[in-house]
Amino acid sequence: MKKSITCDYHNLTSFILRVALAVPFLFAAIDATLQPEAWIGFIPLFLRNIIPGALLLGAHALLDFTLAVWLLSGWKTKYAAIFSALNLATIIIVNITALEIIFRDVGLLLAAVALGVLQYKR
């Protein structure tokens, strides 16, 4: 008699999506902290005219780090997915003219939406 190997595809899919989202958030947070001069230019000028760029960049790096840890923790994943999607949608909207940069964010946004849908009833 063969033993059947059961796999909880829902949890596995959730884990894969959480890691797929957390890695870019973590990378962005760390790299923006270590090399702010390489990232400050991604903040639109109109925002830098309102709030100092270094402050915005630091706040966004903290947000990205927090989202990465939250996603990896698996705690209240539905809400982590929603906040991730909102973060990515904001980046896309604010930088809509820079399609050569934000095209990756569109895929990440869809991954965040997929994670949220996956967690909808949980």
Protein backbone atom coordinates (compact mmCIF):
# COMPACT_ATOMS: atom_id res chain seq x y z
CA MET A 1 0.00 0.00 0.00
CA LYS A 2 1.38 3.42 -1.03
CA LYS A 3 1.50 6.17 1.48
CA SER A 4 -0.03 9.30 0.10
CA ILE A 5 1.90 12.47 0.60
CA THR A 6 -0.43 15.27 1.41
CA CYS A 7 0.52 18.81 0.71
CA ASP A 8 -1.40 21.85 1.81
CA TYR A 9 -1.23 23.74 -1.47
CA HIS A 10 -2.99 26.75 0.02
CA ASN A 11 -0.33 27.24 2.69
CA LEU A 12 2.49 26.50 0.24
CA THR A 13 1.11 29.00 -2.28
CA SER A 14 0.70 31.59 0.46
CA PHE A 15 4.29 31.03 1.62
CA ILE A 16 5.68 31.36 -1.92
CA LEU A 17 3.75 34.58 -2.55
CA ARG A 18 4.77 36.00 0.84
CA VAL A 19 8.45 35.33 0.15
CA ALA A 20 8.15 36.64 -3.43
CA LEU A 21 6.83 39.93 -2.05
CA ALA A 22 9.06 40.13 1.02
CA VAL A 23 12.37 39.72 -0.83
CA PRO A 24 12.04 42.87 -3.00
CA PHE A 25 10.71 44.87 -0.05
CA LEU A 26 13.64 43.74 2.09
CA PHE A 27 16.17 44.42 -0.65
CA ALA A 28 14.75 47.90 -1.29
CA ALA A 29 14.75 48.76 2.43
CA ILE A 30 18.34 47.63 2.97
CA ASP A 31 19.74 49.10 -0.23
CA ALA A 32 17.94 52.43 0.21
CA THR A 33 19.43 52.65 3.70
CA LEU A 34 22.96 51.72 2.57
CA GLN A 35 22.93 53.68 -0.70
CA PRO A 36 20.39 56.48 -0.38
CA GLU A 37 21.98 58.42 -3.25
CA ALA A 38 21.02 55.59 -5.62
CA TRP A 39 17.36 55.69 -4.51
CA ILE A 40 16.59 59.34 -3.81
CA GLY A 41 16.06 60.03 -7.51
CA PHE A 42 13.12 57.61 -7.58
CA ILE A 43 11.17 59.92 -5.31
CA PRO A 44 9.31 62.35 -7.58
CA LEU A 45 10.49 65.94 -7.43
CA PHE A 46 7.05 67.25 -6.48
CA LEU A 47 7.16 65.12 -3.31
CA ARG A 48 10.73 66.18 -2.53
CA ASN A 49 9.59 69.80 -2.80
CA ILE A 50 7.03 69.16 -0.06
CA ILE A 51 9.00 66.83 2.26
CA PRO A 52 12.78 66.40 2.35
CA GLY A 53 13.81 63.46 0.14
CA ALA A 54 15.99 61.87 2.83
CA LEU A 55 13.03 61.81 5.22
CA LEU A 56 10.71 60.30 2.60
CA LEU A 57 13.31 57.72 1.62
CA GLY A 58 13.94 56.73 5.24
CA ALA A 59 10.23 56.44 5.96
CA HIS A 60 9.66 54.36 2.84
CA ALA A 61 12.62 52.10 3.68
CA LEU A 62 11.12 51.55 7.14
CA LEU A 63 7.74 50.79 5.56
CA ASP A 64 9.31 48.31 3.13
CA PHE A 65 11.24 46.60 5.94
CA THR A 66 8.10 46.39 8.07
CA LEU A 67 6.10 44.90 5.19
CA ALA A 68 8.85 42.35 4.50
CA VAL A 69 8.95 41.18 8.12
CA TRP A 70 5.15 41.15 8.34
CA LEU A 71 4.82 39.08 5.17
CA LEU A 72 7.46 36.61 6.33
CA SER A 73 5.81 36.26 9.72
CA GLY A 74 2.58 34.98 8.21
CA TRP A 75 0.59 36.97 10.78
CA LYS A 76 -2.67 38.47 9.45
CA THR A 77 -1.47 37.85 5.92
CA LYS A 78 -4.61 39.30 4.34
CA TYR A 79 -3.80 42.72 5.81
CA ALA A 80 -0.12 42.46 4.93
CA ALA A 81 -1.18 41.74 1.35
CA ILE A 82 -3.54 44.73 1.30
CA PHE A 83 -0.89 47.13 2.65
CA SER A 84 1.67 45.69 0.21
CA ALA A 85 -0.73 46.22 -2.69
CA LEU A 86 -1.45 49.80 -1.58
CA ASN A 87 2.27 50.51 -1.25
CA LEU A 88 2.96 49.14 -4.73
CA ALA A 89 -0.05 50.88 -6.29
CA THR A 90 1.17 54.18 -4.84
CA ILE A 91 4.64 53.62 -6.29
CA ILE A 92 3.14 52.82 -9.68
CA ILE A 93 0.79 55.81 -9.71
CA VAL A 94 3.39 58.30 -8.54
CA ASN A 95 5.95 57.02 -11.07
CA ILE A 96 3.58 56.18 -13.94
CA THR A 97 5.77 57.94 -16.50
CA ALA A 98 8.77 55.77 -15.59
CA LEU A 99 7.49 52.51 -17.08
CA GLU A 100 11.05 51.18 -17.52
CA ILE A 101 11.31 51.21 -13.72
CA ILE A 102 7.81 50.36 -12.48
CA PHE A 103 6.99 47.47 -14.80
CA ARG A 104 8.34 45.10 -12.12
CA ASP A 105 6.11 46.72 -9.53
CA VAL A 106 3.05 45.82 -11.60
CA GLY A 107 3.90 42.12 -11.26
CA LEU A 108 4.52 42.53 -7.54
CA LEU A 109 1.20 44.37 -7.20
CA LEU A 110 -0.58 41.47 -8.86
CA ALA A 111 1.23 39.02 -6.54
CA ALA A 112 0.03 41.05 -3.54
CA VAL A 113 -3.52 41.01 -4.90
CA ALA A 114 -3.28 37.25 -5.47
CA LEU A 115 -2.09 36.77 -1.89
CA GLY A 116 -4.97 38.87 -0.61
CA VAL A 117 -7.48 36.87 -2.67
CA LEU A 118 -5.93 33.63 -1.43
CA GLN A 119 -6.42 34.82 2.17
CA TYR A 120 -9.87 36.31 1.61
CA LYS A 121 -11.88 33.86 3.76
CA ARG A 122 -9.18 33.34 6.36
